[in-house]
PDB file of all heavy atoms in Angstrom:
ATOM      1  N   MET A   1      19.948 -77.502 -14.551  1.00  0.00           N
ATOM      2  CA  MET A   1      21.124 -77.302 -15.401  1.00  0.00           C
ATOM      3  C   MET A   1      21.303 -75.821 -15.701  1.00  0.00           C
ATOM      4  O   MET A   1      20.352 -75.153 -16.130  1.00  0.00           O
ATOM      5  CB  MET A   1      20.975 -78.095 -16.701  1.00  0.00           C
ATOM      6  CG  MET A   1      22.036 -77.805 -17.747  1.00  0.00           C
ATOM      7  SD  MET A   1      23.685 -78.379 -17.257  1.00  0.00           S
ATOM      8  CE  MET A   1      23.646 -80.077 -17.830  1.00  0.00           C
ATOM      9  N   VAL A   2      22.488 -75.296 -15.460  1.00  0.00           N
ATOM     10  CA  VAL A   2      22.857 -73.937 -15.854  1.00  0.00           C
ATOM     11  C   VAL A   2      23.887 -74.077 -16.968  1.00  0.00           C
ATOM     12  O   VAL A   2      24.980 -74.587 -16.726  1.00  0.00           O
ATOM     13  CB  VAL A   2      23.429 -73.125 -14.680  1.00  0.00           C
ATOM     14  CG1 VAL A   2      23.896 -71.746 -15.166  1.00  0.00           C
ATOM     15  CG2 VAL A   2      22.394 -72.981 -13.572  1.00  0.00           C
ATOM     16  N   SER A   3      23.532 -73.672 -18.164  1.00  0.00           N
ATOM     17  CA  SER A   3      24.394 -73.929 -19.311  1.00  0.00           C
ATOM     18  C   SER A   3      24.832 -72.646 -19.993  1.00  0.00           C
ATOM     19  O   SER A   3      24.011 -71.788 -20.323  1.00  0.00           O
ATOM     20  CB  SER A   3      23.667 -74.813 -20.325  1.00  0.00           C
ATOM     21  OG  SER A   3      24.495 -75.046 -21.458  1.00  0.00           O
ATOM     22  N   SER A   4      26.113 -72.531 -20.199  1.00  0.00           N
ATOM     23  CA  SER A   4      26.643 -71.495 -21.075  1.00  0.00           C
ATOM     24  C   SER A   4      26.492 -71.964 -22.520  1.00  0.00           C
ATOM     25  O   SER A   4      25.985 -73.044 -22.784  1.00  0.00           O
ATOM     26  CB  SER A   4      28.119 -71.235 -20.749  1.00  0.00           C
ATOM     27  OG  SER A   4      28.280 -70.844 -19.414  1.00  0.00           O
ATOM     28  N   GLY A   5      26.941 -71.140 -23.445  1.00  0.00           N
ATOM     29  CA  GLY A   5      27.022 -71.586 -24.822  1.00  0.00           C
ATOM     30  C   GLY A   5      26.194 -70.817 -25.826  1.00  0.00           C
ATOM     31  O   GLY A   5      26.400 -70.975 -27.035  1.00  0.00           O
ATOM     32  N   ALA A   6      25.242 -69.973 -25.367  1.00  0.00           N
ATOM     33  CA  ALA A   6      24.384 -69.286 -26.330  1.00  0.00           C
ATOM     34  C   ALA A   6      25.190 -68.333 -27.210  1.00  0.00           C
ATOM     35  O   ALA A   6      25.046 -68.323 -28.442  1.00  0.00           O
ATOM     36  CB  ALA A   6      23.277 -68.535 -25.604  1.00  0.00           C
ATOM     37  N   ILE A   7      26.051 -67.512 -26.595  1.00  0.00           N
ATOM     38  CA  ILE A   7      26.830 -66.555 -27.378  1.00  0.00           C
ATOM     39  C   ILE A   7      27.808 -67.289 -28.290  1.00  0.00           C
ATOM     40  O   ILE A   7      27.955 -66.949 -29.470  1.00  0.00           O
ATOM     41  CB  ILE A   7      27.557 -65.566 -26.451  1.00  0.00           C
ATOM     42  CG1 ILE A   7      26.544 -64.626 -25.786  1.00  0.00           C
ATOM     43  CG2 ILE A   7      28.595 -64.759 -27.227  1.00  0.00           C
ATOM     44  CD1 ILE A   7      27.159 -63.630 -24.825  1.00  0.00           C
ATOM     45  N   ALA A   8      28.460 -68.316 -27.752  1.00  0.00           N
ATOM     46  CA  ALA A   8      29.424 -69.068 -28.560  1.00  0.00           C
ATOM     47  C   ALA A   8      28.742 -69.736 -29.750  1.00  0.00           C
ATOM     48  O   ALA A   8      29.268 -69.734 -30.870  1.00  0.00           O
ATOM     49  CB  ALA A   8      30.123 -70.112 -27.694  1.00  0.00           C
ATOM     50  N   GLU A   9      27.566 -70.305 -29.543  1.00  0.00           N
ATOM     51  CA  GLU A   9      26.839 -70.925 -30.646  1.00  0.00           C
ATOM     52  C   GLU A   9      26.370 -69.870 -31.645  1.00  0.00           C
ATOM     53  O   GLU A   9      26.418 -70.086 -32.868  1.00  0.00           O
ATOM     54  CB  GLU A   9      25.641 -71.710 -30.108  1.00  0.00           C
ATOM     55  CG  GLU A   9      24.687 -72.246 -31.158  1.00  0.00           C
ATOM     56  CD  GLU A   9      25.290 -73.278 -32.092  1.00  0.00           C
ATOM     57  OE1 GLU A   9      26.443 -73.710 -31.855  1.00  0.00           O
ATOM     58  OE2 GLU A   9      24.620 -73.645 -33.077  1.00  0.00           O
ATOM     59  N   GLY A  10      25.953 -68.718 -31.143  1.00  0.00           N
ATOM     60  CA  GLY A  10      25.561 -67.634 -32.042  1.00  0.00           C
ATOM     61  C   GLY A  10      26.726 -67.136 -32.876  1.00  0.00           C
ATOM     62  O   GLY A  10      26.565 -66.851 -34.073  1.00  0.00           O
ATOM     63  N   MET A  11      27.897 -67.039 -32.254  1.00  0.00           N
ATOM     64  CA  MET A  11      29.096 -66.644 -33.002  1.00  0.00           C
ATOM     65  C   MET A  11      29.369 -67.614 -34.133  1.00  0.00           C
ATOM     66  O   MET A  11      29.675 -67.206 -35.266  1.00  0.00           O
ATOM     67  CB  MET A  11      30.305 -66.586 -32.055  1.00  0.00           C
ATOM     68  CG  MET A  11      30.305 -65.426 -31.088  1.00  0.00           C
ATOM     69  SD  MET A  11      31.553 -65.639 -29.775  1.00  0.00           S
ATOM     70  CE  MET A  11      33.026 -66.000 -30.735  1.00  0.00           C
ATOM     71  N   LYS A  12      29.237 -68.889 -33.850  1.00  0.00           N
ATOM     72  CA  LYS A  12      29.490 -69.905 -34.873  1.00  0.00           C
ATOM     73  C   LYS A  12      28.497 -69.778 -36.015  1.00  0.00           C
ATOM     74  O   LYS A  12      28.850 -69.821 -37.201  1.00  0.00           O
ATOM     75  CB  LYS A  12      29.437 -71.282 -34.229  1.00  0.00           C
ATOM     76  CG  LYS A  12      29.786 -72.428 -35.174  1.00  0.00           C
ATOM     77  CD  LYS A  12      28.551 -73.190 -35.582  1.00  0.00           C
ATOM     78  CE  LYS A  12      28.909 -74.384 -36.451  1.00  0.00           C
ATOM     79  NZ  LYS A  12      27.697 -75.120 -36.910  1.00  0.00           N
ATOM     80  N   ARG A  13      27.210 -69.596 -35.668  1.00  0.00           N
ATOM     81  CA  ARG A  13      26.177 -69.492 -36.699  1.00  0.00           C
ATOM     82  C   ARG A  13      26.321 -68.226 -37.521  1.00  0.00           C
ATOM     83  O   ARG A  13      25.937 -68.191 -38.691  1.00  0.00           O
ATOM     84  CB  ARG A  13      24.798 -69.543 -36.047  1.00  0.00           C
ATOM     85  CG  ARG A  13      24.468 -70.891 -35.422  1.00  0.00           C
ATOM     86  CD  ARG A  13      23.040 -70.961 -34.918  1.00  0.00           C
ATOM     87  NE  ARG A  13      22.710 -72.297 -34.446  1.00  0.00           N
ATOM     88  CZ  ARG A  13      21.483 -72.795 -34.381  1.00  0.00           C
ATOM     89  NH1 ARG A  13      20.452 -72.052 -34.768  1.00  0.00           N
ATOM     90  NH2 ARG A  13      21.273 -74.015 -33.945  1.00  0.00           N
ATOM     91  N   LEU A  14      26.856 -67.170 -36.899  1.00  0.00           N
ATOM     92  CA  LEU A  14      27.044 -65.904 -37.603  1.00  0.00           C
ATOM     93  C   LEU A  14      28.390 -65.822 -38.314  1.00  0.00           C
ATOM     94  O   LEU A  14      28.675 -64.843 -39.005  1.00  0.00           O
ATOM     95  CB  LEU A  14      26.903 -64.734 -36.623  1.00  0.00           C
ATOM     96  CG  LEU A  14      25.494 -64.524 -36.057  1.00  0.00           C
ATOM     97  CD1 LEU A  14      25.540 -63.543 -34.882  1.00  0.00           C
ATOM     98  CD2 LEU A  14      24.548 -64.021 -37.142  1.00  0.00           C
ATOM     99  N   GLY A  15      29.235 -66.823 -38.121  1.00  0.00           N
ATOM    100  CA  GLY A  15      30.530 -66.842 -38.774  1.00  0.00           C
ATOM    101  C   GLY A  15      31.567 -65.948 -38.129  1.00  0.00           C
ATOM    102  O   GLY A  15      32.533 -65.542 -38.783  1.00  0.00           O
ATOM    103  N   TRP A  16      31.403 -65.626 -36.839  1.00  0.00           N
ATOM    104  CA  TRP A  16      32.356 -64.773 -36.132  1.00  0.00           C
ATOM    105  C   TRP A  16      33.400 -65.632 -35.422  1.00  0.00           C
ATOM    106  O   TRP A  16      33.052 -66.539 -34.669  1.00  0.00           O
ATOM    107  CB  TRP A  16      31.640 -63.901 -35.098  1.00  0.00           C
ATOM    108  CG  TRP A  16      30.654 -62.941 -35.693  1.00  0.00           C
ATOM    109  CD1 TRP A  16      30.508 -62.616 -37.008  1.00  0.00           C
ATOM    110  CD2 TRP A  16      29.660 -62.189 -34.987  1.00  0.00           C
ATOM    111  NE1 TRP A  16      29.496 -61.700 -37.171  1.00  0.00           N
ATOM    112  CE2 TRP A  16      28.953 -61.421 -35.950  1.00  0.00           C
ATOM    113  CE3 TRP A  16      29.294 -62.084 -33.648  1.00  0.00           C
ATOM    114  CZ2 TRP A  16      27.918 -60.567 -35.608  1.00  0.00           C
ATOM    115  CZ3 TRP A  16      28.260 -61.239 -33.302  1.00  0.00           C
ATOM    116  CH2 TRP A  16      27.573 -60.489 -34.263  1.00  0.00           C
ATOM    117  N   SER A  17      34.658 -65.328 -35.612  1.00  0.00           N
ATOM    118  CA  SER A  17      35.727 -66.121 -35.000  1.00  0.00           C
ATOM    119  C   SER A  17      36.167 -65.556 -33.655  1.00  0.00           C
ATOM    120  O   SER A  17      36.742 -66.276 -32.836  1.00  0.00           O
ATOM    121  CB  SER A  17      36.935 -66.189 -35.943  1.00  0.00           C
ATOM    122  OG  SER A  17      37.416 -64.887 -36.235  1.00  0.00           O
ATOM    123  N   ALA A  18      35.925 -64.278 -33.414  1.00  0.00           N
ATOM    124  CA  ALA A  18      36.329 -63.642 -32.158  1.00  0.00           C
ATOM    125  C   ALA A  18      35.090 -63.134 -31.427  1.00  0.00           C
ATOM    126  O   ALA A  18      34.145 -62.646 -32.057  1.00  0.00           O
ATOM    127  CB  ALA A  18      37.297 -62.487 -32.418  1.00  0.00           C
ATOM    128  N   ARG A  19      35.115 -63.250 -30.121  1.00  0.00           N
ATOM    129  CA  ARG A  19      33.999 -62.772 -29.314  1.00  0.00           C
ATOM    130  C   ARG A  19      33.869 -61.258 -29.459  1.00  0.00           C
ATOM    131  O   ARG A  19      34.823 -60.520 -29.236  1.00  0.00           O
ATOM    132  CB  ARG A  19      34.223 -63.136 -27.843  1.00  0.00           C
ATOM    133  CG  ARG A  19      33.058 -62.758 -26.910  1.00  0.00           C
ATOM    134  CD  ARG A  19      33.419 -63.077 -25.464  1.00  0.00           C
ATOM    135  NE  ARG A  19      32.374 -62.662 -24.544  1.00  0.00           N
ATOM    136  CZ  ARG A  19      31.415 -63.453 -24.087  1.00  0.00           C
ATOM    137  NH1 ARG A  19      31.370 -64.720 -24.466  1.00  0.00           N
ATOM    138  NH2 ARG A  19      30.510 -62.999 -23.241  1.00  0.00           N
ATOM    139  N   PRO A  20      32.701 -60.765 -29.842  1.00  0.00           N
ATOM    140  CA  PRO A  20      32.549 -59.314 -30.041  1.00  0.00           C
ATOM    141  C   PRO A  20      32.617 -58.565 -28.719  1.00  0.00           C
ATOM    142  O   PRO A  20      32.352 -59.118 -27.654  1.00  0.00           O
ATOM    143  CB  PRO A  20      31.164 -59.194 -30.679  1.00  0.00           C
ATOM    144  CG  PRO A  20      30.427 -60.414 -30.244  1.00  0.00           C
ATOM    145  CD  PRO A  20      31.465 -61.501 -30.145  1.00  0.00           C
ATOM    146  N   ARG A  21      32.961 -57.294 -28.796  1.00  0.00           N
ATOM    147  CA  ARG A  21      33.030 -56.451 -27.605  1.00  0.00           C
ATOM    148  C   ARG A  21      31.802 -55.565 -27.447  1.00  0.00           C
ATOM    149  O   ARG A  21      31.479 -55.167 -26.335  1.00  0.00           O
ATOM    150  CB  ARG A  21      34.286 -55.583 -27.655  1.00  0.00           C
ATOM    151  CG  ARG A  21      35.588 -56.385 -27.615  1.00  0.00           C
ATOM    152  CD  ARG A  21      36.798 -55.463 -27.589  1.00  0.00           C
ATOM    153  NE  ARG A  21      38.052 -56.211 -27.510  1.00  0.00           N
ATOM    154  CZ  ARG A  21      39.250 -55.654 -27.451  1.00  0.00           C
ATOM    155  NH1 ARG A  21      39.367 -54.311 -27.482  1.00  0.00           N
ATOM    156  NH2 ARG A  21      40.333 -56.404 -27.382  1.00  0.00           N
ATOM    157  N   GLU A  22      31.167 -55.231 -28.540  1.00  0.00           N
ATOM    158  CA  GLU A  22      29.996 -54.367 -28.470  1.00  0.00           C
ATOM    159  C   GLU A  22      28.805 -55.126 -27.884  1.00  0.00           C
ATOM    160  O   GLU A  22      28.536 -56.267 -28.263  1.00  0.00           O
ATOM    161  CB  GLU A  22      29.641 -53.831 -29.860  1.00  0.00           C
ATOM    162  CG  GLU A  22      30.700 -52.920 -30.466  1.00  0.00           C
ATOM    163  CD  GLU A  22      30.896 -51.649 -29.665  1.00  0.00           C
ATOM    164  OE1 GLU A  22      29.903 -51.156 -29.085  1.00  0.00           O
ATOM    165  OE2 GLU A  22      32.039 -51.161 -29.613  1.00  0.00           O
ATOM    166  N   LEU A  23      28.100 -54.472 -26.954  1.00  0.00           N
ATOM    167  CA  LEU A  23      26.999 -55.123 -26.261  1.00  0.00           C
ATOM    168  C   LEU A  23      25.911 -55.565 -27.224  1.00  0.00           C
ATOM    169  O   LEU A  23      25.368 -56.672 -27.111  1.00  0.00           O
ATOM    170  CB  LEU A  23      26.421 -54.180 -25.207  1.00  0.00           C
ATOM    171  CG  LEU A  23      25.278 -54.734 -24.351  1.00  0.00           C
ATOM    172  CD1 LEU A  23      25.723 -55.959 -23.569  1.00  0.00           C
ATOM    173  CD2 LEU A  23      24.749 -53.651 -23.409  1.00  0.00           C
ATOM    174  N   ASN A  24      25.583 -54.720 -28.209  1.00  0.00           N
ATOM    175  CA  ASN A  24      24.510 -55.090 -29.138  1.00  0.00           C
ATOM    176  C   ASN A  24      24.875 -56.312 -29.970  1.00  0.00           C
ATOM    177  O   ASN A  24      24.018 -57.125 -30.316  1.00  0.00           O
ATOM    178  CB  ASN A  24      24.165 -53.901 -30.040  1.00  0.00           C
ATOM    179  CG  ASN A  24      25.341 -53.475 -30.904  1.00  0.00           C
ATOM    180  OD1 ASN A  24      26.455 -53.338 -30.419  1.00  0.00           O
ATOM    181  ND2 ASN A  24      25.099 -53.240 -32.181  1.00  0.00           N
ATOM    182  N   GLU A  25      26.160 -56.491 -30.282  1.00  0.00           N
ATOM    183  CA  GLU A  25      26.578 -57.668 -31.039  1.00  0.00           C
ATOM    184  C   GLU A  25      26.536 -58.913 -30.158  1.00  0.00           C
ATOM    185  O   GLU A  25      26.170 -60.005 -30.624  1.00  0.00           O
ATOM    186  CB  GLU A  25      27.984 -57.451 -31.598  1.00  0.00           C
ATOM    187  CG  GLU A  25      28.046 -56.372 -32.680  1.00  0.00           C
ATOM    188  CD  GLU A  25      29.446 -56.191 -33.228  1.00  0.00           C
ATOM    189  OE1 GLU A  25      30.411 -56.539 -32.504  1.00  0.00           O
ATOM    190  OE2 GLU A  25      29.580 -55.718 -34.371  1.00  0.00           O
ATOM    191  N   LEU A  26      26.911 -58.785 -28.876  1.00  0.00           N
ATOM    192  CA  LEU A  26      26.798 -59.900 -27.946  1.00  0.00           C
ATOM    193  C   LEU A  26      25.340 -60.325 -27.794  1.00  0.00           C
ATOM    194  O   LEU A  26      25.022 -61.518 -27.761  1.00  0.00           O
ATOM    195  CB  LEU A  26      27.377 -59.521 -26.583  1.00  0.00           C
ATOM    196  CG  LEU A  26      28.896 -59.424 -26.473  1.00  0.00           C
ATOM    197  CD1 LEU A  26      29.288 -58.769 -25.160  1.00  0.00           C
ATOM    198  CD2 LEU A  26      29.529 -60.806 -26.581  1.00  0.00           C
ATOM    199  N   GLN A  27      24.456 -59.344 -27.702  1.00  0.00           N
ATOM    200  CA  GLN A  27      23.035 -59.651 -27.565  1.00  0.00           C
ATOM    201  C   GLN A  27      22.493 -60.342 -28.808  1.00  0.00           C
ATOM    202  O   GLN A  27      21.693 -61.280 -28.715  1.00  0.00           O
ATOM    203  CB  GLN A  27      22.258 -58.361 -27.274  1.00  0.00           C
ATOM    204  CG  GLN A  27      22.561 -57.784 -25.894  1.00  0.00           C
ATOM    205  CD  GLN A  27      21.964 -56.395 -25.692  1.00  0.00           C
ATOM    206  OE1 GLN A  27      21.827 -55.633 -26.637  1.00  0.00           O
ATOM    207  NE2 GLN A  27      21.612 -56.081 -24.458  1.00  0.00           N
ATOM    208  N   ALA A  28      22.950 -59.885 -29.970  1.00  0.00           N
ATOM    209  CA  ALA A  28      22.510 -60.516 -31.221  1.00  0.00           C
ATOM    210  C   ALA A  28      23.006 -61.960 -31.295  1.00  0.00           C
ATOM    211  O   ALA A  28      22.264 -62.869 -31.693  1.00  0.00           O
ATOM    212  CB  ALA A  28      23.010 -59.716 -32.419  1.00  0.00           C
ATOM    213  N   ALA A  29      24.257 -62.175 -30.926  1.00  0.00           N
ATOM    214  CA  ALA A  29      24.806 -63.535 -30.944  1.00  0.00           C
ATOM    215  C   ALA A  29      24.046 -64.436 -29.978  1.00  0.00           C
ATOM    216  O   ALA A  29      23.762 -65.602 -30.285  1.00  0.00           O
ATOM    217  CB  ALA A  29      26.289 -63.506 -30.585  1.00  0.00           C
ATOM    218  N   ALA A  30      23.708 -63.900 -28.804  1.00  0.00           N
ATOM    219  CA  ALA A  30      22.950 -64.684 -27.832  1.00  0.00           C
ATOM    220  C   ALA A  30      21.577 -65.054 -28.363  1.00  0.00           C
ATOM    221  O   ALA A  30      21.099 -66.180 -28.188  1.00  0.00           O
ATOM    222  CB  ALA A  30      22.814 -63.904 -26.523  1.00  0.00           C
ATOM    223  N   ALA A  31      20.920 -64.106 -29.024  1.00  0.00           N
ATOM    224  CA  ALA A  31      19.588 -64.367 -29.569  1.00  0.00           C
ATOM    225  C   ALA A  31      19.624 -65.476 -30.614  1.00  0.00           C
ATOM    226  O   ALA A  31      18.743 -66.333 -30.664  1.00  0.00           O
ATOM    227  CB  ALA A  31      19.013 -63.082 -30.165  1.00  0.00           C
ATOM    228  N   VAL A  32      20.646 -65.454 -31.451  1.00  0.00           N
ATOM    229  CA  VAL A  32      20.783 -66.487 -32.479  1.00  0.00           C
ATOM    230  C   VAL A  32      21.125 -67.833 -31.845  1.00  0.00           C
ATOM    231  O   VAL A  32      20.532 -68.870 -32.153  1.00  0.00           O
ATOM    232  CB  VAL A  32      21.857 -66.079 -33.505  1.00  0.00           C
ATOM    233  CG1 VAL A  32      22.139 -67.227 -34.474  1.00  0.00           C
ATOM    234  CG2 VAL A  32      21.424 -64.835 -34.274  1.00  0.00           C
ATOM    235  N   GLY A  33      22.092 -67.817 -30.927  1.00  0.00           N
ATOM    236  CA  GLY A  33      22.565 -69.064 -30.333  1.00  0.00           C
ATOM    237  C   GLY A  33      21.598 -69.718 -29.376  1.00  0.00           C
ATOM    238  O   GLY A  33      21.595 -70.946 -29.223  1.00  0.00           O
ATOM    239  N   GLN A  34      20.771 -68.909 -28.730  1.00  0.00           N
ATOM    240  CA  GLN A  34      19.833 -69.471 -27.748  1.00  0.00           C
ATOM    241  C   GLN A  34      18.856 -70.445 -28.401  1.00  0.00           C
ATOM    242  O   GLN A  34      18.426 -71.418 -27.774  1.00  0.00           O
ATOM    243  CB  GLN A  34      19.068 -68.335 -27.073  1.00  0.00           C
ATOM    244  CG  GLN A  34      18.362 -68.731 -25.798  1.00  0.00           C
ATOM    245  CD  GLN A  34      19.320 -69.191 -24.711  1.00  0.00           C
ATOM    246  OE1 GLN A  34      19.320 -70.353 -24.347  1.00  0.00           O
ATOM    247  NE2 GLN A  34      20.130 -68.274 -24.214  1.00  0.00           N
ATOM    248  N   MET A  35      18.517 -70.198 -29.656  1.00  0.00           N
ATOM    249  CA  MET A  35      17.604 -71.096 -30.360  1.00  0.00           C
ATOM    250  C   MET A  35      18.179 -72.502 -30.443  1.00  0.00           C
ATOM    251  O   MET A  35      17.520 -73.490 -30.098  1.00  0.00           O
ATOM    252  CB  MET A  35      17.329 -70.556 -31.770  1.00  0.00           C
ATOM    253  CG  MET A  35      16.654 -69.195 -31.802  1.00  0.00           C
ATOM    254  SD  MET A  35      14.967 -69.255 -31.184  1.00  0.00           S
ATOM    255  CE  MET A  35      14.168 -70.157 -32.514  1.00  0.00           C
ATOM    256  N   GLY A  36      19.421 -72.591 -30.880  1.00  0.00           N
ATOM    257  CA  GLY A  36      20.042 -73.905 -31.025  1.00  0.00           C
ATOM    258  C   GLY A  36      20.313 -74.573 -29.698  1.00  0.00           C
ATOM    259  O   GLY A  36      20.162 -75.802 -29.557  1.00  0.00           O
ATOM    260  N   LEU A  37      20.723 -73.770 -28.705  1.00  0.00           N
ATOM    261  CA  LEU A  37      21.042 -74.333 -27.390  1.00  0.00           C
ATOM    262  C   LEU A  37      19.809 -74.955 -26.740  1.00  0.00           C
ATOM    263  O   LEU A  37      19.850 -76.085 -26.241  1.00  0.00           O
ATOM    264  CB  LEU A  37      21.625 -73.235 -26.494  1.00  0.00           C
ATOM    265  CG  LEU A  37      22.201 -73.685 -25.157  1.00  0.00           C
ATOM    266  CD1 LEU A  37      23.451 -74.526 -25.366  1.00  0.00           C
ATOM    267  CD2 LEU A  37      22.531 -72.471 -24.290  1.00  0.00           C
ATOM    268  N   ALA A  38      18.703 -74.214 -26.749  1.00  0.00           N
ATOM    269  CA  ALA A  38      17.476 -74.733 -26.140  1.00  0.00           C
ATOM    270  C   ALA A  38      16.980 -75.972 -26.883  1.00  0.00           C
ATOM    271  O   ALA A  38      16.538 -76.949 -26.257  1.00  0.00           O
ATOM    272  CB  ALA A  38      16.407 -73.646 -26.140  1.00  0.00           C
ATOM    273  N   GLN A  39      17.050 -75.942 -28.199  1.00  0.00           N
ATOM    274  CA  GLN A  39      16.591 -77.085 -28.985  1.00  0.00           C
ATOM    275  C   GLN A  39      17.430 -78.321 -28.699  1.00  0.00           C
ATOM    276  O   GLN A  39      16.899 -79.428 -28.569  1.00  0.00           O
ATOM    277  CB  GLN A  39      16.638 -76.753 -30.476  1.00  0.00           C
ATOM    278  CG  GLN A  39      16.128 -77.870 -31.369  1.00  0.00           C
ATOM    279  CD  GLN A  39      16.228 -77.513 -32.852  1.00  0.00           C
ATOM    280  OE1 GLN A  39      17.199 -76.897 -33.274  1.00  0.00           O
ATOM    281  NE2 GLN A  39      15.229 -77.907 -33.620  1.00  0.00           N
ATOM    282  N   MET A  40      18.734 -78.136 -28.560  1.00  0.00           N
ATOM    283  CA  MET A  40      19.621 -79.272 -28.310  1.00  0.00           C
ATOM    284  C   MET A  40      19.321 -79.913 -26.960  1.00  0.00           C
ATOM    285  O   MET A  40      19.209 -81.142 -26.845  1.00  0.00           O
ATOM    286  CB  MET A  40      21.079 -78.816 -28.370  1.00  0.00           C
ATOM    287  CG  MET A  40      22.083 -79.944 -28.145  1.00  0.00           C
ATOM    288  SD  MET A  40      22.121 -81.127 -29.516  1.00  0.00           S
ATOM    289  CE  MET A  40      22.950 -80.130 -30.762  1.00  0.00           C
ATOM    290  N   TYR A  41      19.175 -79.084 -25.927  1.00  0.00           N
ATOM    291  CA  TYR A  41      18.894 -79.650 -24.605  1.00  0.00           C
ATOM    292  C   TYR A  41      17.524 -80.326 -24.588  1.00  0.00           C
ATOM    293  O   TYR A  41      17.363 -81.404 -23.996  1.00  0.00           O
ATOM    294  CB  TYR A  41      18.971 -78.561 -23.536  1.00  0.00           C
ATOM    295  CG  TYR A  41      20.359 -78.376 -22.985  1.00  0.00           C
ATOM    296  CD1 TYR A  41      21.127 -77.264 -23.333  1.00  0.00           C
ATOM    297  CD2 TYR A  41      20.918 -79.305 -22.128  1.00  0.00           C
ATOM    298  CE1 TYR A  41      22.406 -77.102 -22.842  1.00  0.00           C
ATOM    299  CE2 TYR A  41      22.204 -79.149 -21.640  1.00  0.00           C
ATOM    300  CZ  TYR A  41      22.942 -78.043 -21.997  1.00  0.00           C
ATOM    301  OH  TYR A  41      24.223 -77.887 -21.510  1.00  0.00           O
ATOM    302  N   GLU A  42      16.529 -79.703 -25.210  1.00  0.00           N
ATOM    303  CA  GLU A  42      15.197 -80.293 -25.217  1.00  0.00           C
ATOM    304  C   GLU A  42      15.228 -81.664 -25.903  1.00  0.00           C
ATOM    305  O   GLU A  42      14.631 -82.633 -25.406  1.00  0.00           O
ATOM    306  CB  GLU A  42      14.223 -79.354 -25.931  1.00  0.00           C
ATOM    307  CG  GLU A  42      12.744 -79.677 -25.689  1.00  0.00           C
ATOM    308  CD  GLU A  42      12.209 -80.771 -26.583  1.00  0.00           C
ATOM    309  OE1 GLU A  42      12.775 -80.963 -27.678  1.00  0.00           O
ATOM    310  OE2 GLU A  42      11.243 -81.447 -26.181  1.00  0.00           O
ATOM    311  N   THR A  43      15.932 -81.748 -27.010  1.00  0.00           N
ATOM    312  CA  THR A  43      16.005 -83.003 -27.755  1.00  0.00           C
ATOM    313  C   THR A  43      16.714 -84.083 -26.955  1.00  0.00           C
ATOM    314  O   THR A  43      16.224 -85.215 -26.834  1.00  0.00           O
ATOM    315  CB  THR A  43      16.726 -82.787 -29.090  1.00  0.00           C
ATOM    316  OG1 THR A  43      15.999 -81.842 -29.877  1.00  0.00           O
ATOM    317  CG2 THR A  43      16.867 -84.085 -29.860  1.00  0.00           C
ATOM    318  N   LYS A  44      17.875 -83.760 -26.404  1.00  0.00           N
ATOM    319  CA  LYS A  44      18.672 -84.763 -25.699  1.00  0.00           C
ATOM    320  C   LYS A  44      18.042 -85.178 -24.377  1.00  0.00           C
ATOM    321  O   LYS A  44      18.116 -86.350 -23.985  1.00  0.00           O
ATOM    322  CB  LYS A  44      20.090 -84.239 -25.486  1.00  0.00           C
ATOM    323  CG  LYS A  44      20.865 -84.026 -26.774  1.00  0.00           C
ATOM    324  CD  LYS A  44      20.935 -85.321 -27.577  1.00  0.00           C
ATOM    325  CE  LYS A  44      21.634 -85.141 -28.901  1.00  0.00           C
ATOM    326  NZ  LYS A  44      21.659 -86.406 -29.700  1.00  0.00           N
TER     327      LYS A  44
END
């Protein structure tokens, strides 16, 4: 399985409505979102 969604989930958890343009903010969103994404797939 190749799954997108880490940045989008991170945006949601961080309360961001628009996808950031700065690389460091994208990386931060990915770091936050990857936790939930991996946990969801592992559980299901």
